Amino acid sequence: MDASKAAGRLAAALLRYDEAKNFLEPAHARNTADPEISYYLGIAYDGLGETRKARAAYEEAQRFSSFSRRFRSKLGELSARDGNLAESERHLTLAASAAPDDVRSLEELVAVTSAGGDPQKAKTLAHQGIIRFPLSSFLREELGSPDLKLLANDSTRILNLAAQYLRLGLYQRALQVLSRNYPRAQPDQSEPGEPSPASILCSPTSAAIVGSV
């Protein structure tokens, strides 16, 4: 049991979702009360596009407080991708309340609140959040003041920012991040050999992201 759970958890972390599913489904059948198995099985289903099964796996373990924030965040993302922004906001509000030091829950709550039609509330949350998390590129993006130089100095930040919007089904926001012009990376502020944002955004990885929009 423990070996199957560990192998499934590792496979899920490595994005090898088919393998994770094969390890975790039998483990879950033997022990439906283990929230960790449900959590990583939900990740595997989510990665395979089996949204209904992913939601069931996440919902199954909500009663376990130690995993409450993680499940709430995942349910918030699933609900947002399904277009149910009100439900997404509810889940993410609970996730952010359960883990006030978790910047990702707050970032996603801000984005979903804004997309759901309450931009003023979203701005207020973002302003409060940027005081606590001054390095959050996502919150700066939501406040309409992205640090383009910082993003350009590590193009992975641009792709991660777009990917976070994609997890919420906010495809137009992801496209905006990917399609705007960025300055050149500064040699003394970036890793040696860091490619320009333009070359990264024209790469197959970026093309795959844009293609899903």
C-alpha atoms as a PDB file:
ATOM      1  CA  MET A   1       0.000   0.000   0.000  1.00  0.00           C
ATOM      2  CA  ASP A   2       2.637   2.532   1.063  1.00  0.00           C
ATOM      3  CA  ALA A   3       4.827   1.627  -1.896  1.00  0.00           C
ATOM      4  CA  SER A   4       1.957   2.112  -4.356  1.00  0.00           C
ATOM      5  CA  LYS A   5       1.043   5.434  -2.794  1.00  0.00           C
ATOM      6  CA  ALA A   6       4.642   6.645  -2.865  1.00  0.00           C
ATOM      7  CA  ALA A   7       5.085   5.545  -6.478  1.00  0.00           C
ATOM      8  CA  GLY A   8       1.823   7.201  -7.500  1.00  0.00           C
ATOM      9  CA  ARG A   9       2.722  10.413  -5.708  1.00  0.00           C
ATOM     10  CA  LEU A  10       6.113  10.506  -7.441  1.00  0.00           C
ATOM     11  CA  ALA A  11       4.582   9.781 -10.859  1.00  0.00           C
ATOM     12  CA  ALA A  12       2.036  12.574 -10.375  1.00  0.00           C
ATOM     13  CA  ALA A  13       4.798  15.005  -9.383  1.00  0.00           C
ATOM     14  CA  LEU A  14       6.694  14.046 -12.544  1.00  0.00           C
ATOM     15  CA  LEU A  15       3.528  14.640 -14.648  1.00  0.00           C
ATOM     16  CA  ARG A  16       3.395  10.954 -15.578  1.00  0.00           C
ATOM     17  CA  TYR A  17      -0.319  10.845 -15.022  1.00  0.00           C
ATOM     18  CA  ASP A  18      -1.056   7.449 -16.602  1.00  0.00           C
ATOM     19  CA  GLU A  19       1.451   5.780 -14.296  1.00  0.00           C
ATOM     20  CA  ALA A  20       0.153   7.693 -11.297  1.00  0.00           C
ATOM     21  CA  LYS A  21      -3.387   6.551 -12.059  1.00  0.00           C
ATOM     22  CA  ASN A  22      -2.281   2.924 -12.372  1.00  0.00           C
ATOM     23  CA  PHE A  23      -0.541   3.036  -9.000  1.00  0.00           C
ATOM     24  CA  LEU A  24      -3.141   5.050  -7.106  1.00  0.00           C
ATOM     25  CA  GLU A  25      -6.440   3.542  -8.239  1.00  0.00           C
ATOM     26  CA  PRO A  26      -5.734   0.145  -6.594  1.00  0.00           C
ATOM     27  CA  ALA A  27      -4.387   1.891  -3.488  1.00  0.00           C
ATOM     28  CA  HIS A  28      -7.515   4.025  -3.298  1.00  0.00           C
ATOM     29  CA  ALA A  29      -9.762   0.975  -3.711  1.00  0.00           C
ATOM     30  CA  ARG A  30      -8.090  -0.567  -0.661  1.00  0.00           C
ATOM     31  CA  ASN A  31      -8.230   2.596   1.453  1.00  0.00           C
ATOM     32  CA  THR A  32     -10.774   5.262   0.527  1.00  0.00           C
ATOM     33  CA  ALA A  33     -10.118   7.174   3.777  1.00  0.00           C
ATOM     34  CA  ASP A  34      -6.583   8.234   2.888  1.00  0.00           C
ATOM     35  CA  PRO A  35      -6.761  11.910   1.770  1.00  0.00           C
ATOM     36  CA  GLU A  36      -3.249  11.848   0.316  1.00  0.00           C
ATOM     37  CA  ILE A  37      -4.174   9.076  -2.103  1.00  0.00           C
ATOM     38  CA  SER A  38      -7.323  10.951  -3.120  1.00  0.00           C
ATOM     39  CA  TYR A  39      -5.379  14.170  -3.622  1.00  0.00           C
ATOM     40  CA  TYR A  40      -2.745  12.711  -5.926  1.00  0.00           C
ATOM     41  CA  LEU A  41      -5.301  10.559  -7.719  1.00  0.00           C
ATOM     42  CA  GLY A  42      -7.238  13.759  -8.365  1.00  0.00           C
ATOM     43  CA  ILE A  43      -4.094  15.326  -9.821  1.00  0.00           C
ATOM     44  CA  ALA A  44      -3.628  12.298 -12.091  1.00  0.00           C
ATOM     45  CA  TYR A  45      -7.236  12.441 -13.305  1.00  0.00           C
ATOM     46  CA  ASP A  46      -6.959  16.196 -13.792  1.00  0.00           C
ATOM     47  CA  GLY A  47      -3.787  15.801 -15.852  1.00  0.00           C
ATOM     48  CA  LEU A  48      -5.506  13.196 -18.025  1.00  0.00           C
ATOM     49  CA  GLY A  49      -8.492  15.438 -18.615  1.00  0.00           C
ATOM     50  CA  GLU A  50     -10.850  13.220 -16.579  1.00  0.00           C
ATOM     51  CA  THR A  51     -12.429  16.211 -14.891  1.00  0.00           C
ATOM     52  CA  ARG A  52     -15.418  14.454 -13.328  1.00  0.00           C
ATOM     53  CA  LYS A  53     -13.221  11.837 -11.650  1.00  0.00           C
ATOM     54  CA  ALA A  54     -10.780  14.526 -10.534  1.00  0.00           C
ATOM     55  CA  ARG A  55     -13.561  16.509  -8.878  1.00  0.00           C
ATOM     56  CA  ALA A  56     -14.884  13.392  -7.117  1.00  0.00           C
ATOM     57  CA  ALA A  57     -11.400  12.570  -5.818  1.00  0.00           C
ATOM     58  CA  TYR A  58     -10.871  16.083  -4.497  1.00  0.00           C
ATOM     59  CA  GLU A  59     -14.316  16.314  -2.930  1.00  0.00           C
ATOM     60  CA  GLU A  60     -13.921  12.930  -1.251  1.00  0.00           C
ATOM     61  CA  ALA A  61     -11.244  14.173   1.127  1.00  0.00           C
ATOM     62  CA  GLN A  62     -12.468  17.690   1.901  1.00  0.00           C
ATOM     63  CA  ARG A  63     -13.350  16.593   5.403  1.00  0.00           C
ATOM     64  CA  PHE A  64      -9.683  16.101   6.270  1.00  0.00           C
ATOM     65  CA  SER A  65      -8.472  19.452   7.589  1.00  0.00           C
ATOM     66  CA  SER A  66      -4.809  18.746   6.832  1.00  0.00           C
ATOM     67  CA  PHE A  67      -5.616  18.661   3.123  1.00  0.00           C
ATOM     68  CA  SER A  68      -8.455  21.175   3.098  1.00  0.00           C
ATOM     69  CA  ARG A  69      -6.538  24.039   1.508  1.00  0.00           C
ATOM     70  CA  ARG A  70      -5.029  21.892  -1.232  1.00  0.00           C
ATOM     71  CA  PHE A  71      -8.359  20.323  -2.185  1.00  0.00           C
ATOM     72  CA  ARG A  72     -10.135  23.674  -2.099  1.00  0.00           C
ATOM     73  CA  SER A  73      -7.540  25.163  -4.451  1.00  0.00           C
ATOM     74  CA  LYS A  74      -7.882  22.297  -6.909  1.00  0.00           C
ATOM     75  CA  LEU A  75     -11.676  22.451  -6.792  1.00  0.00           C
ATOM     76  CA  GLY A  76     -11.451  26.200  -7.356  1.00  0.00           C
ATOM     77  CA  GLU A  77      -9.349  25.655 -10.478  1.00  0.00           C
ATOM     78  CA  LEU A  78     -11.671  22.950 -11.803  1.00  0.00           C
ATOM     79  CA  SER A  79     -14.750  25.102 -11.211  1.00  0.00           C
ATOM     80  CA  ALA A  80     -13.144  28.066 -12.957  1.00  0.00           C
ATOM     81  CA  ARG A  81     -12.273  25.949 -15.997  1.00  0.00           C
ATOM     82  CA  ASP A  82     -15.885  24.720 -16.041  1.00  0.00           C
ATOM     83  CA  GLY A  83     -17.033  28.345 -16.163  1.00  0.00           C
ATOM     84  CA  ASN A  84     -18.556  28.323 -12.669  1.00  0.00           C
ATOM     85  CA  LEU A  85     -16.711  31.356 -11.327  1.00  0.00           C
ATOM     86  CA  ALA A  86     -18.999  31.802  -8.308  1.00  0.00           C
ATOM     87  CA  GLU A  87     -18.236  28.279  -7.092  1.00  0.00           C
ATOM     88  CA  SER A  88     -14.571  28.782  -7.874  1.00  0.00           C
ATOM     89  CA  GLU A  89     -14.473  31.980  -5.833  1.00  0.00           C
ATOM     90  CA  ARG A  90     -16.129  30.196  -2.915  1.00  0.00           C
ATOM     91  CA  HIS A  91     -13.550  27.394  -2.917  1.00  0.00           C
ATOM     92  CA  LEU A  92     -10.602  29.752  -3.312  1.00  0.00           C
ATOM     93  CA  THR A  93     -11.865  32.061  -0.568  1.00  0.00           C
ATOM     94  CA  LEU A  94     -11.908  29.092   1.812  1.00  0.00           C
ATOM     95  CA  ALA A  95      -8.469  27.975   0.594  1.00  0.00           C
ATOM     96  CA  ALA A  96      -6.973  31.430   1.128  1.00  0.00           C
ATOM     97  CA  SER A  97      -8.570  31.672   4.582  1.00  0.00           C
ATOM     98  CA  ALA A  98      -7.239  28.253   5.586  1.00  0.00           C
ATOM     99  CA  ALA A  99      -3.695  29.145   4.492  1.00  0.00           C
ATOM    100  CA  PRO A 100      -3.174  32.921   4.627  1.00  0.00           C
ATOM    101  CA  ASP A 101       0.530  32.511   3.787  1.00  0.00           C
ATOM    102  CA  ASP A 102      -0.228  30.653   0.556  1.00  0.00           C
ATOM    103  CA  VAL A 103       0.240  33.202  -2.217  1.00  0.00           C
ATOM    104  CA  ARG A 104      -1.128  30.974  -4.990  1.00  0.00           C
ATOM    105  CA  SER A 105      -4.585  30.649  -3.420  1.00  0.00           C
ATOM    106  CA  LEU A 106      -4.763  34.422  -3.050  1.00  0.00           C
ATOM    107  CA  GLU A 107      -3.543  35.029  -6.610  1.00  0.00           C
ATOM    108  CA  GLU A 108      -6.156  32.702  -8.050  1.00  0.00           C
ATOM    109  CA  LEU A 109      -8.873  34.209  -5.860  1.00  0.00           C
ATOM    110  CA  VAL A 110      -8.026  37.680  -7.189  1.00  0.00           C
ATOM    111  CA  ALA A 111      -8.142  36.522 -10.815  1.00  0.00           C
ATOM    112  CA  VAL A 112     -11.417  34.621 -10.430  1.00  0.00           C
ATOM    113  CA  THR A 113     -13.052  37.485  -8.514  1.00  0.00           C
ATOM    114  CA  SER A 114     -12.109  39.896 -11.283  1.00  0.00           C
ATOM    115  CA  ALA A 115     -13.263  37.543 -14.050  1.00  0.00           C
ATOM    116  CA  GLY A 116     -16.500  36.948 -12.146  1.00  0.00           C
ATOM    117  CA  GLY A 117     -17.512  40.576 -12.484  1.00  0.00           C
ATOM    118  CA  ASP A 118     -16.264  42.267  -9.312  1.00  0.00           C
ATOM    119  CA  PRO A 119     -13.047  44.042 -10.384  1.00  0.00           C
ATOM    120  CA  GLN A 120     -13.137  46.494  -7.483  1.00  0.00           C
ATOM    121  CA  LYS A 121     -13.161  43.698  -4.911  1.00  0.00           C
ATOM    122  CA  ALA A 122     -10.384  41.965  -6.852  1.00  0.00           C
ATOM    123  CA  LYS A 123      -8.267  45.134  -6.852  1.00  0.00           C
ATOM    124  CA  THR A 124      -8.740  45.512  -3.111  1.00  0.00           C
ATOM    125  CA  LEU A 125      -7.625  41.914  -2.537  1.00  0.00           C
ATOM    126  CA  ALA A 126      -4.666  42.403  -4.873  1.00  0.00           C
ATOM    127  CA  HIS A 127      -3.562  45.616  -3.130  1.00  0.00           C
ATOM    128  CA  GLN A 128      -3.763  43.867   0.244  1.00  0.00           C
ATOM    129  CA  GLY A 129      -1.893  40.889  -1.150  1.00  0.00           C
ATOM    130  CA  ILE A 130       0.964  42.793  -2.779  1.00  0.00           C
ATOM    131  CA  ILE A 131       1.857  44.258   0.623  1.00  0.00           C
ATOM    132  CA  ARG A 132       2.305  40.742   1.994  1.00  0.00           C
ATOM    133  CA  PHE A 133       3.736  39.224  -1.202  1.00  0.00           C
ATOM    134  CA  PRO A 134       5.666  42.034  -2.925  1.00  0.00           C
ATOM    135  CA  LEU A 135       7.427  39.594  -5.293  1.00  0.00           C
ATOM    136  CA  SER A 136       4.211  38.211  -6.783  1.00  0.00           C
ATOM    137  CA  SER A 137       4.294  38.803 -10.547  1.00  0.00           C
ATOM    138  CA  PHE A 138       0.719  37.507 -10.749  1.00  0.00           C
ATOM    139  CA  LEU A 139      -0.659  40.127  -8.350  1.00  0.00           C
ATOM    140  CA  ARG A 140       1.219  42.853 -10.226  1.00  0.00           C
ATOM    141  CA  GLU A 141      -0.363  41.547 -13.421  1.00  0.00           C
ATOM    142  CA  GLU A 142      -3.821  41.743 -11.859  1.00  0.00           C
ATOM    143  CA  LEU A 143      -3.121  45.290 -10.690  1.00  0.00           C
ATOM    144  CA  GLY A 144      -2.251  46.283 -14.254  1.00  0.00           C
ATOM    145  CA  SER A 145       1.385  47.061 -13.432  1.00  0.00           C
ATOM    146  CA  PRO A 146       3.459  44.046 -14.497  1.00  0.00           C
ATOM    147  CA  ASP A 147       7.226  44.344 -14.101  1.00  0.00           C
ATOM    148  CA  LEU A 148       8.134  43.655 -17.727  1.00  0.00           C
ATOM    149  CA  LYS A 149      11.871  43.901 -17.116  1.00  0.00           C
ATOM    150  CA  LEU A 150      11.720  41.366 -14.303  1.00  0.00           C
ATOM    151  CA  LEU A 151       9.671  38.982 -16.419  1.00  0.00           C
ATOM    152  CA  ALA A 152      11.968  39.429 -19.422  1.00  0.00           C
ATOM    153  CA  ASN A 153      15.048  38.555 -17.361  1.00  0.00           C
ATOM    154  CA  ASP A 154      13.713  35.026 -16.893  1.00  0.00           C
ATOM    155  CA  SER A 155      11.318  33.988 -19.644  1.00  0.00           C
ATOM    156  CA  THR A 156      10.156  31.018 -17.576  1.00  0.00           C
ATOM    157  CA  ARG A 157       8.329  33.538 -15.403  1.00  0.00           C
ATOM    158  CA  ILE A 158       6.289  34.586 -18.429  1.00  0.00           C
ATOM    159  CA  LEU A 159       5.317  30.998 -19.227  1.00  0.00           C
ATOM    160  CA  ASN A 160       4.488  30.269 -15.579  1.00  0.00           C
ATOM    161  CA  LEU A 161       2.292  33.359 -15.433  1.00  0.00           C
ATOM    162  CA  ALA A 162       0.409  32.291 -18.553  1.00  0.00           C
ATOM    163  CA  ALA A 163       0.096  28.724 -17.252  1.00  0.00           C
ATOM    164  CA  GLN A 164      -1.493  29.974 -14.041  1.00  0.00           C
ATOM    165  CA  TYR A 165      -4.197  31.734 -16.043  1.00  0.00           C
ATOM    166  CA  LEU A 166      -4.699  28.578 -18.095  1.00  0.00           C
ATOM    167  CA  ARG A 167      -5.302  26.532 -14.948  1.00  0.00           C
ATOM    168  CA  LEU A 168      -8.216  28.875 -14.255  1.00  0.00           C
ATOM    169  CA  GLY A 169      -9.569  28.725 -17.792  1.00  0.00           C
ATOM    170  CA  LEU A 170      -8.750  32.421 -18.298  1.00  0.00           C
ATOM    171  CA  TYR A 171      -7.411  31.883 -21.791  1.00  0.00           C
ATOM    172  CA  GLN A 172      -7.569  35.474 -23.000  1.00  0.00           C
ATOM    173  CA  ARG A 173      -5.497  36.623 -20.028  1.00  0.00           C
ATOM    174  CA  ALA A 174      -2.922  33.946 -20.820  1.00  0.00           C
ATOM    175  CA  LEU A 175      -2.816  35.086 -24.437  1.00  0.00           C
ATOM    176  CA  GLN A 176      -2.285  38.693 -23.355  1.00  0.00           C
ATOM    177  CA  VAL A 177       0.702  37.658 -21.257  1.00  0.00           C
ATOM    178  CA  LEU A 178       2.226  35.659 -24.095  1.00  0.00           C
ATOM    179  CA  SER A 179       1.590  38.049 -26.979  1.00  0.00           C
ATOM    180  CA  ARG A 180       2.847  41.404 -25.706  1.00  0.00           C
ATOM    181  CA  ASN A 181       6.292  42.830 -26.392  1.00  0.00           C
ATOM    182  CA  TYR A 182       8.936  42.420 -23.699  1.00  0.00           C
ATOM    183  CA  PRO A 183      12.284  44.204 -23.387  1.00  0.00           C
ATOM    184  CA  ARG A 184      15.523  42.312 -23.890  1.00  0.00           C
ATOM    185  CA  ALA A 185      16.927  40.432 -20.909  1.00  0.00           C
ATOM    186  CA  GLN A 186      19.540  42.471 -19.052  1.00  0.00           C
ATOM    187  CA  PRO A 187      22.927  40.657 -18.967  1.00  0.00           C
ATOM    188  CA  ASP A 188      23.667  41.701 -15.387  1.00  0.00           C
ATOM    189  CA  GLN A 189      20.184  40.765 -14.149  1.00  0.00           C
ATOM    190  CA  SER A 190      19.624  37.386 -15.812  1.00  0.00           C
ATOM    191  CA  GLU A 191      21.324  34.018 -16.052  1.00  0.00           C
ATOM    192  CA  PRO A 192      24.186  33.726 -18.554  1.00  0.00           C
ATOM    193  CA  GLY A 193      22.835  32.652 -21.923  1.00  0.00           C
ATOM    194  CA  GLU A 194      19.248  33.481 -20.991  1.00  0.00           C
ATOM    195  CA  PRO A 195      17.316  33.536 -24.299  1.00  0.00           C
ATOM    196  CA  SER A 196      15.253  36.548 -25.227  1.00  0.00           C
ATOM    197  CA  PRO A 197      11.523  36.463 -24.428  1.00  0.00           C
ATOM    198  CA  ALA A 198      10.789  36.586 -28.153  1.00  0.00           C
ATOM    199  CA  SER A 199      12.668  33.343 -28.794  1.00  0.00           C
ATOM    200  CA  ILE A 200      11.000  31.603 -25.847  1.00  0.00           C
ATOM    201  CA  LEU A 201       7.516  32.758 -26.840  1.00  0.00           C
ATOM    202  CA  CYS A 202       8.035  31.387 -30.338  1.00  0.00           C
ATOM    203  CA  SER A 203       9.183  28.004 -29.001  1.00  0.00           C
ATOM    204  CA  PRO A 204       7.101  24.771 -29.262  1.00  0.00           C
ATOM    205  CA  THR A 205       6.308  25.016 -25.520  1.00  0.00           C
ATOM    206  CA  SER A 206       4.809  28.465 -25.898  1.00  0.00           C
ATOM    207  CA  ALA A 207       3.083  27.486 -29.131  1.00  0.00           C
ATOM    208  CA  ALA A 208       1.381  24.606 -27.325  1.00  0.00           C
ATOM    209  CA  ILE A 209       0.116  27.024 -24.676  1.00  0.00           C
ATOM    210  CA  VAL A 210      -1.173  29.501 -27.248  1.00  0.00           C
ATOM    211  CA  GLY A 211      -2.708  26.660 -29.257  1.00  0.00           C
ATOM    212  CA  SER A 212      -4.881  25.724 -26.301  1.00  0.00           C
ATOM    213  CA  VAL A 213      -6.324  29.239 -26.059  1.00  0.00           C
END
